[in-house]
Each structure stands twice: as structure tokens, then as C-alpha cells.
């Protein structure tokens, strides 16, 4: 496979991965809304509370609130269940398309890794997917090392500042104690007979 074809496949794979990521997010959102039992319960309690003030009868308001709760939960599940099934099928299809186009599973590399691999191939740094992934791995290792070094330097500066603060504090306490000691000696000399 030529570099250009590989690059085109990776770009297509990136587009598929973006769609897949959006579909996964939508699916998660629908599942969250479907499982939002507490929201339905709170809404039903609010309706029951309003009806209690309107009818001034607890039993009737409670029954209406319970029925509202059942209706809200049923409607929520009825509306989201088909959409969840469609999204699950779409996600499976995108995963198959990605594997067919790129030759590896969609979960194997992140979107950021795909972007860096595409950039490495466009810049001529790599001729094959394997080379581009190796360049990315080395770059990530280098970035991680640099970040760790930066954290150590910041921590070192912080510790040095703390040491300076302690030294300064000890110096000022030492001067204070010397002054107190000197004044005590003066007091003792005044009291002591010669």
C-alpha cells in the first residue's frame, strides 16, 4: 500500500472514530436519561405537592402523583429505548467500518494518536503505519519525561523556598532569643550584688 493510500485510510478512520465517539456520547446520554429514576420521582413529588395545595386532600394528591410518576417513567423509557437500539447498531457498524478501513480495532489507538500519526505521515517523518506509531510512542515517552522533569523542578523550587522560609524564620527567632537573653543578663546584673 502506498503512503498516500495509507494516509487516506487513516484520515477516513479518524472521521469514523469521530462519529463513533459522538455516537458513544449520545448513547451514554440516552442511557443516563433513561435511568434517571430520581428526576421522574422528583417531578412526580412536585406534581403531588401542587395537587395537594389545589385539592387539599393528601390521598387524592398521592394517587395522582403516583400515576404521574408511572406515566413519566413509561414515556421516558418508550421514547429512549428505540433510539438506544439504533445508536448501539450504529456504534457496531462504525467499529466494523473502522477495522475494515484502518486494519486495527477502534479501541486500540486514541483519536489523539491517530492525529499525531497522520501528522507524522503528512510531514514525511514516517512512511508506514508502524513507523508513525513508533514515532508517536517515542514522542509520548519524551513528553512524559519532560512533564515529569518539570514537575520535579517545580517541586524542587517549592522545597527550596520552604527551606529558605524556615531558615529565615529560625534566624529571626535566634535574633529574638539573643535579644531576650541579653536583656535577661542585664536584669540579672542589676539584681546581683557585686
N, C-alpha and C. Protein backbone atom coordinates (compact mmCIF):
# COMPACT_ATOMS: atom_id res chain seq x y z
N UNK A 1 0.85 -1.18 0.00
CA UNK A 1 0.00 0.00 0.00
C UNK A 1 0.89 1.24 0.00
N UNK A 2 0.54 2.21 -0.81
CA UNK A 2 1.34 3.43 -0.90
C UNK A 2 1.08 4.32 0.31
N UNK A 3 2.02 5.25 0.50
CA UNK A 3 1.88 6.19 1.62
C UNK A 3 0.59 6.98 1.51
N UNK A 4 0.29 7.42 0.29
CA UNK A 4 -0.90 8.25 0.07
C UNK A 4 -2.18 7.48 0.41
N UNK A 5 -2.26 6.21 -0.02
CA UNK A 5 -3.45 5.39 0.28
C UNK A 5 -3.56 5.17 1.79
N UNK A 6 -2.44 4.89 2.42
CA UNK A 6 -2.45 4.68 3.87
C UNK A 6 -2.91 5.95 4.58
N UNK A 7 -2.41 7.09 4.14
CA UNK A 7 -2.80 8.36 4.74
C UNK A 7 -4.30 8.59 4.56
N UNK A 8 -4.82 8.31 3.37
CA UNK A 8 -6.25 8.47 3.12
C UNK A 8 -7.08 7.55 4.02
N UNK A 9 -6.60 6.32 4.19
CA UNK A 9 -7.31 5.38 5.07
C UNK A 9 -7.30 5.86 6.51
N UNK A 10 -6.17 6.38 6.94
CA UNK A 10 -6.09 6.88 8.32
C UNK A 10 -7.00 8.10 8.52
N UNK A 11 -7.05 8.96 7.52
CA UNK A 11 -7.94 10.14 7.61
C UNK A 11 -9.40 9.68 7.66
N UNK A 12 -9.75 8.72 6.83
CA UNK A 12 -11.11 8.15 6.84
C UNK A 12 -11.38 7.50 8.20
N UNK A 13 -10.38 6.78 8.73
CA UNK A 13 -10.51 6.15 10.04
C UNK A 13 -10.73 7.18 11.13
N UNK A 14 -10.04 8.31 11.02
CA UNK A 14 -10.20 9.39 12.00
C UNK A 14 -11.64 9.92 11.96
N UNK A 15 -12.18 10.09 10.76
CA UNK A 15 -13.57 10.55 10.63
C UNK A 15 -14.54 9.55 11.24
N UNK A 16 -14.29 8.26 10.98
CA UNK A 16 -15.14 7.22 11.56
C UNK A 16 -15.05 7.24 13.08
N UNK A 17 -13.83 7.41 13.59
CA UNK A 17 -13.64 7.42 15.05
C UNK A 17 -14.36 8.62 15.67
N UNK A 18 -14.34 9.76 14.99
CA UNK A 18 -15.08 10.93 15.50
C UNK A 18 -16.57 10.64 15.57
N UNK A 19 -17.12 10.03 14.50
CA UNK A 19 -18.54 9.67 14.51
C UNK A 19 -18.83 8.67 15.62
N UNK A 20 -17.94 7.70 15.77
CA UNK A 20 -18.10 6.67 16.79
C UNK A 20 -18.11 7.31 18.18
N UNK A 21 -17.20 8.25 18.40
CA UNK A 21 -17.11 8.92 19.70
C UNK A 21 -18.40 9.71 19.99
N UNK A 22 -18.91 10.39 18.97
CA UNK A 22 -20.15 11.15 19.15
C UNK A 22 -21.33 10.21 19.42
N UNK A 23 -21.37 9.10 18.71
CA UNK A 23 -22.46 8.13 18.92
C UNK A 23 -22.38 7.53 20.32
N UNK A 24 -21.16 7.22 20.78
CA UNK A 24 -20.99 6.69 22.14
C UNK A 24 -21.47 7.70 23.18
N UNK A 25 -21.14 8.98 22.95
CA UNK A 25 -21.57 10.02 23.88
C UNK A 25 -23.10 10.14 23.90
N UNK A 26 -23.70 10.10 22.71
CA UNK A 26 -25.17 10.15 22.63
C UNK A 26 -25.80 8.96 23.34
N UNK A 27 -25.23 7.78 23.12
CA UNK A 27 -25.74 6.57 23.77
C UNK A 27 -25.65 6.70 25.29
N UNK A 28 -24.52 7.18 25.77
CA UNK A 28 -24.36 7.38 27.21
C UNK A 28 -25.38 8.37 27.75
N UNK A 29 -25.62 9.44 26.98
CA UNK A 29 -26.61 10.45 27.41
C UNK A 29 -28.01 9.85 27.47
N UNK A 30 -28.37 9.05 26.44
CA UNK A 30 -29.69 8.43 26.44
C UNK A 30 -29.83 7.43 27.59
N UNK A 31 -28.78 6.67 27.85
CA UNK A 31 -28.84 5.72 28.96
C UNK A 31 -28.98 6.45 30.29
N UNK A 32 -28.28 7.57 30.41
CA UNK A 32 -28.39 8.36 31.64
C UNK A 32 -29.81 8.90 31.81
N UNK A 33 -30.39 9.38 30.72
CA UNK A 33 -31.75 9.93 30.83
C UNK A 33 -32.76 8.82 31.09
N UNK A 34 -32.53 7.65 30.49
CA UNK A 34 -33.44 6.52 30.72
C UNK A 34 -33.38 6.08 32.17
N UNK A 35 -32.20 6.10 32.72
CA UNK A 35 -32.01 5.65 34.09
C UNK A 35 -32.25 6.75 35.11
N UNK A 36 -32.76 7.87 34.67
CA UNK A 36 -32.96 8.99 35.56
C UNK A 36 -34.26 8.81 36.36
N UNK A 37 -34.26 7.81 37.17
CA UNK A 37 -35.39 7.49 38.02
C UNK A 37 -35.69 8.63 38.98
N UNK A 38 -34.63 9.20 39.54
CA UNK A 38 -34.79 10.26 40.54
C UNK A 38 -35.46 11.50 39.95
N UNK A 39 -35.13 11.85 38.70
CA UNK A 39 -35.74 13.02 38.07
C UNK A 39 -37.24 12.82 37.93
N UNK A 40 -37.64 11.62 37.51
CA UNK A 40 -39.07 11.33 37.38
C UNK A 40 -39.75 11.36 38.74
N UNK A 41 -39.10 10.82 39.74
CA UNK A 41 -39.66 10.81 41.09
C UNK A 41 -39.83 12.22 41.63
N UNK A 42 -38.82 13.05 41.43
CA UNK A 42 -38.89 14.44 41.90
C UNK A 42 -40.02 15.19 41.21
N UNK A 43 -40.13 14.98 39.89
CA UNK A 43 -41.20 15.62 39.14
C UNK A 43 -42.57 15.18 39.66
N UNK A 44 -42.73 13.90 39.92
CA UNK A 44 -44.00 13.38 40.44
C UNK A 44 -44.30 13.96 41.83
N UNK A 45 -43.28 14.09 42.67
CA UNK A 45 -43.47 14.67 44.01
C UNK A 45 -43.90 16.13 43.89
N UNK A 46 -43.30 16.85 42.97
CA UNK A 46 -43.69 18.26 42.75
C UNK A 46 -45.15 18.34 42.31
N UNK A 47 -45.50 17.47 41.35
CA UNK A 47 -46.91 17.46 40.89
C UNK A 47 -47.82 17.12 42.06
N UNK A 48 -47.45 16.11 42.86
CA UNK A 48 -48.26 15.75 44.03
C UNK A 48 -48.38 16.89 45.01
N UNK A 49 -47.28 17.63 45.24
CA UNK A 49 -47.31 18.76 46.15
C UNK A 49 -48.23 19.86 45.66
N UNK A 50 -48.15 20.15 44.37
CA UNK A 50 -49.03 21.19 43.79
C UNK A 50 -50.49 20.76 43.91
N UNK A 51 -50.75 19.49 43.58
CA UNK A 51 -52.14 18.99 43.66
C UNK A 51 -52.65 18.98 45.10
N UNK A 52 -51.78 18.74 46.05
CA UNK A 52 -52.19 18.76 47.45
C UNK A 52 -52.71 20.14 47.84
N UNK A 53 -51.98 21.18 47.36
CA UNK A 53 -52.42 22.55 47.65
C UNK A 53 -53.71 22.87 46.91
N UNK A 54 -53.89 22.30 45.70
CA UNK A 54 -55.11 22.57 44.93
C UNK A 54 -56.30 21.85 45.55
N UNK A 55 -56.15 20.54 45.82
CA UNK A 55 -57.28 19.75 46.30
C UNK A 55 -57.35 19.67 47.82
N UNK A 56 -56.29 19.97 48.50
CA UNK A 56 -56.21 19.90 49.96
C UNK A 56 -56.57 18.51 50.49
N UNK A 57 -56.28 17.51 49.71
CA UNK A 57 -56.53 16.14 50.15
C UNK A 57 -55.30 15.30 49.83
N UNK A 58 -54.69 14.74 50.85
CA UNK A 58 -53.43 14.02 50.72
C UNK A 58 -53.57 12.73 49.90
N UNK A 59 -54.61 11.97 50.13
CA UNK A 59 -54.75 10.67 49.45
C UNK A 59 -54.93 10.87 47.95
N UNK A 60 -55.80 11.78 47.56
CA UNK A 60 -56.03 12.03 46.13
C UNK A 60 -54.77 12.56 45.47
N UNK A 61 -54.08 13.48 46.12
CA UNK A 61 -52.84 14.04 45.58
C UNK A 61 -51.78 12.96 45.45
N UNK A 62 -51.69 12.07 46.42
CA UNK A 62 -50.72 10.98 46.38
C UNK A 62 -50.98 10.03 45.24
N UNK A 63 -52.24 9.70 45.03
CA UNK A 63 -52.61 8.79 43.93
C UNK A 63 -52.26 9.44 42.59
N UNK A 64 -52.61 10.70 42.42
CA UNK A 64 -52.32 11.39 41.15
C UNK A 64 -50.81 11.50 40.95
N UNK A 65 -50.04 11.78 42.00
CA UNK A 65 -48.57 11.87 41.89
C UNK A 65 -47.98 10.52 41.50
N UNK A 66 -48.50 9.43 42.09
CA UNK A 66 -48.01 8.10 41.75
C UNK A 66 -48.30 7.76 40.30
N UNK A 67 -49.51 8.05 39.85
CA UNK A 67 -49.88 7.80 38.44
C UNK A 67 -49.00 8.65 37.51
N UNK A 68 -48.75 9.91 37.88
CA UNK A 68 -47.88 10.77 37.06
C UNK A 68 -46.48 10.17 36.97
N UNK A 69 -45.99 9.66 38.09
CA UNK A 69 -44.66 9.05 38.12
C UNK A 69 -44.60 7.86 37.14
N UNK A 70 -45.59 7.00 37.21
CA UNK A 70 -45.63 5.83 36.31
C UNK A 70 -45.69 6.29 34.86
N UNK A 71 -46.50 7.28 34.57
CA UNK A 71 -46.62 7.79 33.19
C UNK A 71 -45.29 8.38 32.72
N UNK A 72 -44.63 9.17 33.54
CA UNK A 72 -43.36 9.81 33.17
C UNK A 72 -42.29 8.75 32.90
N UNK A 73 -42.18 7.76 33.79
CA UNK A 73 -41.19 6.69 33.61
C UNK A 73 -41.48 5.90 32.34
N UNK A 74 -42.76 5.59 32.11
CA UNK A 74 -43.14 4.82 30.91
C UNK A 74 -42.84 5.60 29.64
N UNK A 75 -43.18 6.88 29.62
CA UNK A 75 -42.91 7.70 28.43
C UNK A 75 -41.42 7.87 28.18
N UNK A 76 -40.66 8.05 29.25
CA UNK A 76 -39.22 8.19 29.11
C UNK A 76 -38.61 6.93 28.51
N UNK A 77 -39.01 5.77 29.04
CA UNK A 77 -38.48 4.50 28.52
C UNK A 77 -38.96 4.24 27.10
N UNK A 78 -40.19 4.59 26.82
CA UNK A 78 -40.76 4.35 25.49
C UNK A 78 -40.04 5.19 24.43
N UNK A 79 -39.69 6.44 24.77
CA UNK A 79 -39.04 7.34 23.81
C UNK A 79 -37.56 6.99 23.60
N UNK A 80 -36.88 6.56 24.65
CA UNK A 80 -35.43 6.37 24.54
C UNK A 80 -35.02 4.98 24.11
N UNK A 81 -35.82 3.96 24.39
CA UNK A 81 -35.43 2.59 24.07
C UNK A 81 -35.12 2.39 22.59
N UNK A 82 -35.98 2.83 21.65
CA UNK A 82 -35.64 2.63 20.23
C UNK A 82 -34.39 3.40 19.81
N UNK A 83 -34.22 4.57 20.35
CA UNK A 83 -33.04 5.38 20.00
C UNK A 83 -31.76 4.72 20.50
N UNK A 84 -31.83 4.12 21.67
CA UNK A 84 -30.67 3.42 22.21
C UNK A 84 -30.30 2.25 21.30
N UNK A 85 -31.29 1.50 20.85
CA UNK A 85 -31.03 0.37 19.94
C UNK A 85 -30.39 0.84 18.64
N UNK A 86 -30.89 1.94 18.10
CA UNK A 86 -30.32 2.49 16.85
C UNK A 86 -28.88 2.91 17.07
N UNK A 87 -28.61 3.58 18.17
CA UNK A 87 -27.24 4.01 18.46
C UNK A 87 -26.30 2.83 18.68
N UNK A 88 -26.77 1.79 19.36
CA UNK A 88 -25.93 0.61 19.56
C UNK A 88 -25.57 -0.03 18.22
N UNK A 89 -26.53 -0.12 17.31
CA UNK A 89 -26.27 -0.68 15.98
C UNK A 89 -25.30 0.21 15.20
N UNK A 90 -25.50 1.52 15.29
CA UNK A 90 -24.62 2.46 14.61
C UNK A 90 -23.18 2.33 15.11
N UNK A 91 -23.03 2.18 16.42
CA UNK A 91 -21.69 2.03 17.01
C UNK A 91 -21.02 0.75 16.51
N UNK A 92 -21.77 -0.35 16.49
CA UNK A 92 -21.21 -1.62 15.99
C UNK A 92 -20.78 -1.48 14.53
N UNK A 93 -21.61 -0.81 13.71
CA UNK A 93 -21.30 -0.62 12.29
C UNK A 93 -20.03 0.24 12.14
N UNK A 94 -19.92 1.29 12.92
CA UNK A 94 -18.74 2.16 12.85
C UNK A 94 -17.48 1.42 13.28
N UNK A 95 -17.60 0.57 14.29
CA UNK A 95 -16.45 -0.22 14.72
C UNK A 95 -15.98 -1.16 13.61
N UNK A 96 -16.94 -1.80 12.92
CA UNK A 96 -16.59 -2.71 11.81
C UNK A 96 -15.96 -1.92 10.66
N UNK A 97 -16.55 -0.76 10.33
CA UNK A 97 -16.00 0.07 9.25
C UNK A 97 -14.59 0.53 9.57
N UNK A 98 -14.36 0.91 10.79
CA UNK A 98 -13.04 1.38 11.19
C UNK A 98 -12.01 0.26 11.02
N UNK A 99 -12.36 -0.93 11.50
CA UNK A 99 -11.42 -2.06 11.40
C UNK A 99 -11.15 -2.39 9.93
N UNK A 100 -12.18 -2.32 9.09
CA UNK A 100 -12.02 -2.60 7.67
C UNK A 100 -11.11 -1.55 7.02
N UNK A 101 -11.29 -0.30 7.37
CA UNK A 101 -10.53 0.79 6.75
C UNK A 101 -9.09 0.84 7.29
N UNK A 102 -8.94 0.79 8.60
CA UNK A 102 -7.62 1.00 9.22
C UNK A 102 -6.85 -0.29 9.48
N UNK A 103 -7.55 -1.39 9.64
CA UNK A 103 -6.87 -2.65 9.86
C UNK A 103 -6.60 -2.98 11.32
N UNK A 104 -7.08 -2.16 12.23
CA UNK A 104 -6.93 -2.46 13.66
C UNK A 104 -8.20 -1.99 14.37
N UNK A 105 -8.48 -2.54 15.56
CA UNK A 105 -9.71 -2.19 16.29
C UNK A 105 -9.75 -0.71 16.67
N UNK A 106 -10.95 -0.19 16.75
CA UNK A 106 -11.15 1.24 17.04
C UNK A 106 -10.64 1.63 18.43
N UNK A 107 -10.64 0.68 19.36
CA UNK A 107 -10.20 0.97 20.73
C UNK A 107 -8.69 0.94 20.89
N UNK A 108 -7.97 0.45 19.88
CA UNK A 108 -6.53 0.24 20.02
C UNK A 108 -5.75 1.54 20.16
N UNK A 109 -6.16 2.59 19.44
CA UNK A 109 -5.45 3.86 19.50
C UNK A 109 -6.44 5.00 19.69
N UNK A 110 -6.00 6.00 20.44
CA UNK A 110 -6.88 7.14 20.71
C UNK A 110 -6.96 8.05 19.49
N UNK A 111 -7.91 8.96 19.54
CA UNK A 111 -8.06 9.95 18.47
C UNK A 111 -6.83 10.84 18.40
N UNK A 112 -6.26 11.19 19.53
CA UNK A 112 -5.04 11.99 19.55
C UNK A 112 -3.89 11.26 18.87
N UNK A 113 -3.79 9.96 19.14
CA UNK A 113 -2.74 9.16 18.50
C UNK A 113 -2.94 9.15 16.99
N UNK A 114 -4.17 8.97 16.54
CA UNK A 114 -4.44 8.99 15.09
C UNK A 114 -4.04 10.34 14.50
N UNK A 115 -4.37 11.42 15.18
CA UNK A 115 -3.99 12.75 14.69
C UNK A 115 -2.48 12.89 14.57
N UNK A 116 -1.75 12.41 15.57
CA UNK A 116 -0.29 12.52 15.53
C UNK A 116 0.31 11.61 14.45
N UNK A 117 -0.28 10.44 14.24
CA UNK A 117 0.19 9.52 13.20
C UNK A 117 -0.02 10.15 11.82
N UNK A 118 -1.19 10.72 11.62
CA UNK A 118 -1.49 11.39 10.34
C UNK A 118 -0.52 12.54 10.12
N UNK A 119 -0.27 13.33 11.16
CA UNK A 119 0.67 14.45 11.06
C UNK A 119 2.08 13.95 10.71
N UNK A 120 2.51 12.86 11.34
CA UNK A 120 3.85 12.32 11.06
C UNK A 120 3.95 11.85 9.61
N UNK A 121 2.89 11.27 9.10
CA UNK A 121 2.92 10.79 7.71
C UNK A 121 2.86 11.97 6.73
N UNK A 122 2.06 12.97 7.05
CA UNK A 122 1.97 14.16 6.17
C UNK A 122 3.30 14.90 6.13
N UNK A 123 3.98 14.97 7.27
CA UNK A 123 5.25 15.69 7.34
C UNK A 123 6.42 14.90 6.76
N UNK A 124 6.15 13.65 6.38
CA UNK A 124 7.20 12.83 5.81
C UNK A 124 8.12 12.21 6.85
N UNK A 125 7.73 12.25 8.11
CA UNK A 125 8.53 11.65 9.17
C UNK A 125 8.44 10.13 9.15
N UNK A 126 7.34 9.60 8.59
CA UNK A 126 7.14 8.15 8.56
C UNK A 126 6.56 7.75 7.21
N UNK A 127 6.93 6.54 6.79
CA UNK A 127 6.41 6.00 5.53
C UNK A 127 5.36 4.94 5.75
N UNK A 128 5.38 4.33 6.93
CA UNK A 128 4.42 3.27 7.22
C UNK A 128 3.71 3.57 8.54
N UNK A 129 2.62 2.85 8.73
CA UNK A 129 1.87 3.00 9.98
C UNK A 129 2.74 2.61 11.17
N UNK A 130 3.49 1.56 11.02
CA UNK A 130 4.36 1.09 12.11
C UNK A 130 5.37 2.17 12.50
N UNK A 131 5.99 2.81 11.50
CA UNK A 131 6.96 3.87 11.78
C UNK A 131 6.28 5.05 12.47
N UNK A 132 5.10 5.42 11.97
CA UNK A 132 4.38 6.56 12.55
C UNK A 132 3.98 6.28 14.00
N UNK A 133 3.53 5.06 14.28
CA UNK A 133 3.17 4.70 15.65
C UNK A 133 4.40 4.69 16.56
N UNK A 134 5.53 4.24 16.03
CA UNK A 134 6.76 4.24 16.82
C UNK A 134 7.20 5.68 17.12
N UNK A 135 7.10 6.55 16.13
CA UNK A 135 7.43 7.96 16.35
C UNK A 135 6.52 8.55 17.42
N UNK A 136 5.23 8.22 17.32
CA UNK A 136 4.28 8.72 18.31
C UNK A 136 4.60 8.18 19.69
N UNK A 137 4.94 6.89 19.79
CA UNK A 137 5.29 6.29 21.08
C UNK A 137 6.51 6.98 21.69
N UNK A 138 7.51 7.24 20.85
CA UNK A 138 8.71 7.91 21.34
C UNK A 138 8.41 9.36 21.76
N UNK A 139 7.59 10.03 20.97
CA UNK A 139 7.20 11.40 21.32
C UNK A 139 6.43 11.43 22.64
N UNK A 140 5.51 10.49 22.83
CA UNK A 140 4.76 10.42 24.07
C UNK A 140 5.69 10.16 25.25
N UNK A 141 6.64 9.25 25.06
CA UNK A 141 7.60 8.96 26.12
C UNK A 141 8.40 10.21 26.45
N UNK A 142 8.84 10.92 25.42
CA UNK A 142 9.61 12.15 25.62
C UNK A 142 8.77 13.20 26.36
N UNK A 143 7.51 13.37 25.93
CA UNK A 143 6.61 14.33 26.60
C UNK A 143 6.41 13.95 28.06
N UNK A 144 6.22 12.66 28.31
CA UNK A 144 6.02 12.20 29.68
C UNK A 144 7.25 12.50 30.53
N UNK A 145 8.43 12.24 29.97
CA UNK A 145 9.67 12.51 30.70
C UNK A 145 9.82 14.00 30.97
N UNK A 146 9.52 14.83 29.98
CA UNK A 146 9.62 16.29 30.15
C UNK A 146 8.63 16.79 31.21
N UNK A 147 7.40 16.25 31.19
CA UNK A 147 6.41 16.65 32.19
C UNK A 147 6.86 16.24 33.59
N UNK A 148 7.42 15.02 33.69
CA UNK A 148 7.91 14.56 34.99
C UNK A 148 9.06 15.44 35.47
N UNK A 149 9.94 15.79 34.56
CA UNK A 149 11.07 16.66 34.90
C UNK A 149 10.57 18.04 35.34
N UNK A 150 9.59 18.57 34.63
CA UNK A 150 9.01 19.87 35.02
C UNK A 150 8.39 19.80 36.41
N UNK A 151 7.65 18.69 36.67
CA UNK A 151 7.05 18.54 38.00
C UNK A 151 8.12 18.48 39.08
N UNK A 152 9.20 17.73 38.80
CA UNK A 152 10.29 17.64 39.78
C UNK A 152 10.95 19.00 40.02
N UNK A 153 11.17 19.76 38.94
CA UNK A 153 11.77 21.08 39.09
C UNK A 153 10.88 22.01 39.91
N UNK A 154 9.57 21.97 39.63
CA UNK A 154 8.64 22.81 40.39
C UNK A 154 8.62 22.40 41.86
N UNK A 155 8.63 21.09 42.10
CA UNK A 155 8.64 20.60 43.48
C UNK A 155 9.94 20.99 44.17
N UNK A 156 11.05 20.91 43.45
CA UNK A 156 12.35 21.29 43.99
C UNK A 156 12.37 22.78 44.36
N UNK A 157 11.85 23.62 43.46
CA UNK A 157 11.79 25.06 43.75
C UNK A 157 10.91 25.33 44.99
N UNK A 158 9.81 24.60 45.07
CA UNK A 158 8.92 24.76 46.20
C UNK A 158 9.62 24.36 47.50
N UNK A 159 10.33 23.24 47.47
CA UNK A 159 11.07 22.80 48.66
C UNK A 159 12.18 23.78 49.03
N UNK A 160 12.89 24.30 48.01
CA UNK A 160 13.94 25.29 48.29
C UNK A 160 13.36 26.53 48.94
N UNK A 161 12.20 26.97 48.45
CA UNK A 161 11.55 28.14 49.03
C UNK A 161 11.14 27.86 50.48
N UNK A 162 10.63 26.64 50.72
CA UNK A 162 10.25 26.28 52.09
C UNK A 162 11.48 26.27 53.00
N UNK A 163 12.61 25.76 52.49
CA UNK A 163 13.86 25.76 53.28
C UNK A 163 14.29 27.19 53.59
N UNK A 164 14.23 28.07 52.59
CA UNK A 164 14.59 29.48 52.81
C UNK A 164 13.67 30.12 53.84
N UNK A 165 12.38 29.81 53.75
CA UNK A 165 11.43 30.35 54.72
C UNK A 165 11.74 29.87 56.14
N UNK A 166 12.06 28.58 56.27
CA UNK A 166 12.40 28.03 57.59
C UNK A 166 13.68 28.67 58.11
N UNK A 167 14.71 28.79 57.24
CA UNK A 167 15.96 29.42 57.66
C UNK A 167 15.73 30.86 58.12
N UNK A 168 14.93 31.59 57.35
CA UNK A 168 14.63 32.97 57.70
C UNK A 168 13.90 33.03 59.04
N UNK A 169 12.95 32.13 59.22
CA UNK A 169 12.18 32.09 60.46
C UNK A 169 13.10 31.75 61.64
N UNK A 170 13.99 30.76 61.45
CA UNK A 170 14.92 30.39 62.52
C UNK A 170 15.89 31.52 62.84
N UNK A 171 16.35 32.21 61.81
CA UNK A 171 17.26 33.34 62.02
C UNK A 171 16.57 34.43 62.83
N UNK A 172 15.35 34.75 62.47
CA UNK A 172 14.64 35.81 63.21
C UNK A 172 14.35 35.36 64.64
N UNK A 173 14.02 34.08 64.84
CA UNK A 173 13.80 33.58 66.20
C UNK A 173 15.10 33.59 67.00
N UNK A 174 16.21 33.26 66.36
CA UNK A 174 17.51 33.28 67.03
C UNK A 174 17.85 34.70 67.48
N UNK A 175 17.64 35.70 66.60
CA UNK A 175 17.90 37.09 66.96
C UNK A 175 17.03 37.52 68.12
N UNK A 176 15.77 37.10 68.08
CA UNK A 176 14.84 37.45 69.14
C UNK A 176 15.29 36.83 70.47
N UNK A 177 15.71 35.56 70.42
CA UNK A 177 16.19 34.90 71.64
C UNK A 177 17.46 35.56 72.17
N UNK A 178 18.37 35.98 71.28
CA UNK A 178 19.59 36.67 71.71
C UNK A 178 19.26 37.99 72.41
N UNK A 179 18.30 38.72 71.83
CA UNK A 179 17.89 39.98 72.46
C UNK A 179 17.28 39.71 73.84
N UNK A 180 16.41 38.68 73.89
CA UNK A 180 15.81 38.35 75.19
C UNK A 180 16.87 37.89 76.18
N UNK A 181 17.83 37.10 75.71
CA UNK A 181 18.92 36.63 76.56
C UNK A 181 19.75 37.82 77.07
N UNK A 182 20.05 38.75 76.19
CA UNK A 182 20.83 39.93 76.57
C UNK A 182 20.08 40.76 77.60
N UNK A 183 18.78 40.95 77.37
CA UNK A 183 18.01 41.75 78.33
C UNK A 183 17.90 41.02 79.68
N UNK A 184 17.82 39.67 79.64
CA UNK A 184 17.80 38.91 80.90
C UNK A 184 19.13 39.04 81.64
N UNK A 185 20.25 39.03 80.92
CA UNK A 185 21.57 39.21 81.54
C UNK A 185 21.64 40.58 82.19
N UNK A 186 21.13 41.58 81.50
CA UNK A 186 21.13 42.93 82.07
C UNK A 186 20.30 42.97 83.36
N UNK A 187 19.17 42.31 83.35
CA UNK A 187 18.31 42.27 84.53
C UNK A 187 19.02 41.55 85.69
N UNK A 188 19.69 40.44 85.34
CA UNK A 188 20.41 39.67 86.37
C UNK A 188 21.54 40.52 86.95
N UNK A 189 22.26 41.24 86.06
CA UNK A 189 23.36 42.10 86.53
C UNK A 189 22.85 43.20 87.45
N UNK A 190 21.68 43.72 87.18
CA UNK A 190 21.13 44.78 88.03
C UNK A 190 20.74 44.24 89.40
N UNK A 191 20.27 43.02 89.42
CA UNK A 191 19.80 42.42 90.66
C UNK A 191 20.97 41.89 91.49
N UNK A 192 22.00 41.34 90.89
CA UNK A 192 23.11 40.69 91.56
C UNK A 192 24.02 41.72 92.23
N UNK A 193 24.39 41.45 93.48
CA UNK A 193 25.35 42.34 94.13
C UNK A 193 26.78 42.00 93.67
N UNK A 194 27.60 43.03 93.59
CA UNK A 194 28.97 42.83 93.10
C UNK A 194 29.87 42.48 94.18
